[in-house]
Amino acid sequence: MFRFGAGELMVILLIVLVLFGAAKLPETGRALGKAIKEFKKAGKEITNDVEDIAKE
């Protein structure tokens, strides 16, 4: 999908550090991880529902 090199990742991390500060970084990372996990879970549920409907 997207290809990020080391330079791009460093710029993104630097921007996040400036925006949120070092103290908020772990909290922000956990929230982002949870959001990604929930998004994947919802995608799997939708896929399963569509497959179940297609089988009928």
N, C-alpha and C. Protein backbone atom coordinates (compact mmCIF):
# COMPACT_ATOMS: atom_id res chain seq x y z
N MET A 1 0.84 -1.17 0.00
CA MET A 1 0.00 0.00 0.00
C MET A 1 0.89 1.24 0.00
N PHE A 2 1.42 1.60 1.16
CA PHE A 2 2.32 2.74 1.24
C PHE A 2 3.72 2.23 1.53
N ARG A 3 4.69 2.86 0.95
CA ARG A 3 6.07 2.48 1.21
C ARG A 3 6.77 3.67 1.84
N PHE A 4 7.16 3.50 3.09
CA PHE A 4 7.87 4.55 3.81
C PHE A 4 9.31 4.12 4.01
N GLY A 5 10.21 5.02 3.71
CA GLY A 5 11.62 4.78 3.98
C GLY A 5 11.96 5.28 5.37
N ALA A 6 13.21 5.11 5.75
CA ALA A 6 13.65 5.53 7.08
C ALA A 6 13.51 7.04 7.25
N GLY A 7 13.81 7.79 6.21
CA GLY A 7 13.70 9.25 6.29
C GLY A 7 12.29 9.73 6.53
N GLU A 8 11.35 9.14 5.82
CA GLU A 8 9.95 9.53 5.98
C GLU A 8 9.44 9.20 7.37
N LEU A 9 9.82 8.01 7.88
CA LEU A 9 9.39 7.61 9.22
C LEU A 9 9.97 8.54 10.28
N MET A 10 11.20 8.96 10.11
CA MET A 10 11.82 9.88 11.07
C MET A 10 11.09 11.22 11.08
N VAL A 11 10.71 11.71 9.91
CA VAL A 11 9.98 12.98 9.83
C VAL A 11 8.62 12.85 10.50
N ILE A 12 7.91 11.76 10.25
CA ILE A 12 6.60 11.54 10.87
C ILE A 12 6.74 11.45 12.38
N LEU A 13 7.72 10.70 12.87
CA LEU A 13 7.92 10.58 14.31
C LEU A 13 8.28 11.92 14.95
N LEU A 14 9.07 12.70 14.26
CA LEU A 14 9.45 14.02 14.77
C LEU A 14 8.23 14.94 14.86
N ILE A 15 7.38 14.91 13.85
CA ILE A 15 6.16 15.73 13.87
C ILE A 15 5.23 15.30 15.00
N VAL A 16 5.07 13.99 15.19
CA VAL A 16 4.23 13.48 16.28
C VAL A 16 4.81 13.90 17.63
N LEU A 17 6.12 13.81 17.77
CA LEU A 17 6.76 14.20 19.02
C LEU A 17 6.54 15.68 19.32
N VAL A 18 6.64 16.52 18.31
CA VAL A 18 6.43 17.95 18.51
C VAL A 18 4.97 18.25 18.84
N LEU A 19 4.04 17.59 18.16
CA LEU A 19 2.62 17.85 18.38
C LEU A 19 2.13 17.39 19.75
N PHE A 20 2.54 16.19 20.15
CA PHE A 20 1.98 15.60 21.37
C PHE A 20 2.91 15.69 22.57
N GLY A 21 4.18 15.85 22.36
CA GLY A 21 5.12 15.89 23.48
C GLY A 21 5.52 14.48 23.90
N ALA A 22 6.64 14.40 24.57
CA ALA A 22 7.18 13.09 24.96
C ALA A 22 6.31 12.39 25.99
N ALA A 23 5.66 13.12 26.86
CA ALA A 23 4.85 12.52 27.91
C ALA A 23 3.59 11.86 27.35
N LYS A 24 3.02 12.41 26.31
CA LYS A 24 1.77 11.89 25.74
C LYS A 24 2.00 10.80 24.70
N LEU A 25 3.24 10.60 24.28
CA LEU A 25 3.53 9.66 23.20
C LEU A 25 3.10 8.23 23.50
N PRO A 26 3.41 7.65 24.67
CA PRO A 26 2.96 6.26 24.94
C PRO A 26 1.43 6.13 24.94
N GLU A 27 0.76 7.12 25.53
CA GLU A 27 -0.71 7.09 25.57
C GLU A 27 -1.29 7.16 24.16
N THR A 28 -0.71 8.02 23.34
CA THR A 28 -1.17 8.17 21.96
C THR A 28 -0.93 6.89 21.17
N GLY A 29 0.20 6.25 21.39
CA GLY A 29 0.51 4.98 20.72
C GLY A 29 -0.47 3.89 21.10
N ARG A 30 -0.78 3.79 22.38
CA ARG A 30 -1.75 2.77 22.82
C ARG A 30 -3.12 3.02 22.21
N ALA A 31 -3.55 4.26 22.18
CA ALA A 31 -4.85 4.59 21.60
C ALA A 31 -4.89 4.25 20.11
N LEU A 32 -3.80 4.56 19.42
CA LEU A 32 -3.73 4.24 17.99
C LEU A 32 -3.75 2.73 17.76
N GLY A 33 -3.03 2.00 18.59
CA GLY A 33 -3.02 0.53 18.49
C GLY A 33 -4.39 -0.07 18.71
N LYS A 34 -5.10 0.44 19.72
CA LYS A 34 -6.45 -0.05 19.99
C LYS A 34 -7.39 0.26 18.83
N ALA A 35 -7.26 1.45 18.26
CA ALA A 35 -8.12 1.84 17.13
C ALA A 35 -7.87 0.94 15.93
N ILE A 36 -6.61 0.64 15.65
CA ILE A 36 -6.29 -0.25 14.53
C ILE A 36 -6.83 -1.65 14.78
N LYS A 37 -6.70 -2.14 16.01
CA LYS A 37 -7.21 -3.47 16.36
C LYS A 37 -8.73 -3.54 16.16
N GLU A 38 -9.44 -2.53 16.64
CA GLU A 38 -10.90 -2.50 16.48
C GLU A 38 -11.30 -2.40 15.01
N PHE A 39 -10.55 -1.64 14.23
CA PHE A 39 -10.84 -1.50 12.81
C PHE A 39 -10.68 -2.84 12.09
N LYS A 40 -9.61 -3.56 12.42
CA LYS A 40 -9.39 -4.89 11.81
C LYS A 40 -10.50 -5.86 12.22
N LYS A 41 -10.89 -5.80 13.50
CA LYS A 41 -11.95 -6.68 13.99
C LYS A 41 -13.26 -6.42 13.24
N ALA A 42 -13.60 -5.15 13.06
CA ALA A 42 -14.82 -4.79 12.36
C ALA A 42 -14.75 -5.26 10.90
N GLY A 43 -13.59 -5.12 10.29
CA GLY A 43 -13.43 -5.58 8.90
C GLY A 43 -13.63 -7.07 8.77
N LYS A 44 -13.11 -7.84 9.72
CA LYS A 44 -13.29 -9.30 9.70
C LYS A 44 -14.75 -9.67 9.89
N GLU A 45 -15.44 -8.96 10.78
CA GLU A 45 -16.85 -9.24 11.01
C GLU A 45 -17.68 -8.96 9.76
N ILE A 46 -17.38 -7.88 9.09
CA ILE A 46 -18.10 -7.55 7.86
C ILE A 46 -17.84 -8.60 6.79
N THR A 47 -16.57 -9.03 6.67
CA THR A 47 -16.22 -10.06 5.69
C THR A 47 -16.96 -11.36 5.99
N ASN A 48 -17.01 -11.74 7.26
CA ASN A 48 -17.71 -12.96 7.63
C ASN A 48 -19.20 -12.85 7.34
N ASP A 49 -19.79 -11.70 7.62
CA ASP A 49 -21.22 -11.51 7.34
C ASP A 49 -21.52 -11.61 5.83
N VAL A 50 -20.66 -11.01 5.03
CA VAL A 50 -20.86 -11.05 3.59
C VAL A 50 -20.71 -12.47 3.07
N GLU A 51 -19.73 -13.21 3.59
CA GLU A 51 -19.55 -14.61 3.17
C GLU A 51 -20.73 -15.46 3.57
N ASP A 52 -21.28 -15.23 4.77
CA ASP A 52 -22.46 -15.98 5.21
C ASP A 52 -23.66 -15.70 4.32
N ILE A 53 -23.86 -14.45 3.93
CA ILE A 53 -24.96 -14.10 3.05
C ILE A 53 -24.77 -14.72 1.66
N ALA A 54 -23.53 -14.75 1.18
CA ALA A 54 -23.26 -15.32 -0.14
C ALA A 54 -23.51 -16.82 -0.17
N LYS A 55 -23.33 -17.50 0.96
CA LYS A 55 -23.53 -18.95 1.02
C LYS A 55 -25.01 -19.32 0.97
N GLU A 56 -25.86 -18.39 1.40
CA GLU A 56 -27.29 -18.69 1.45
C GLU A 56 -27.93 -18.66 0.12
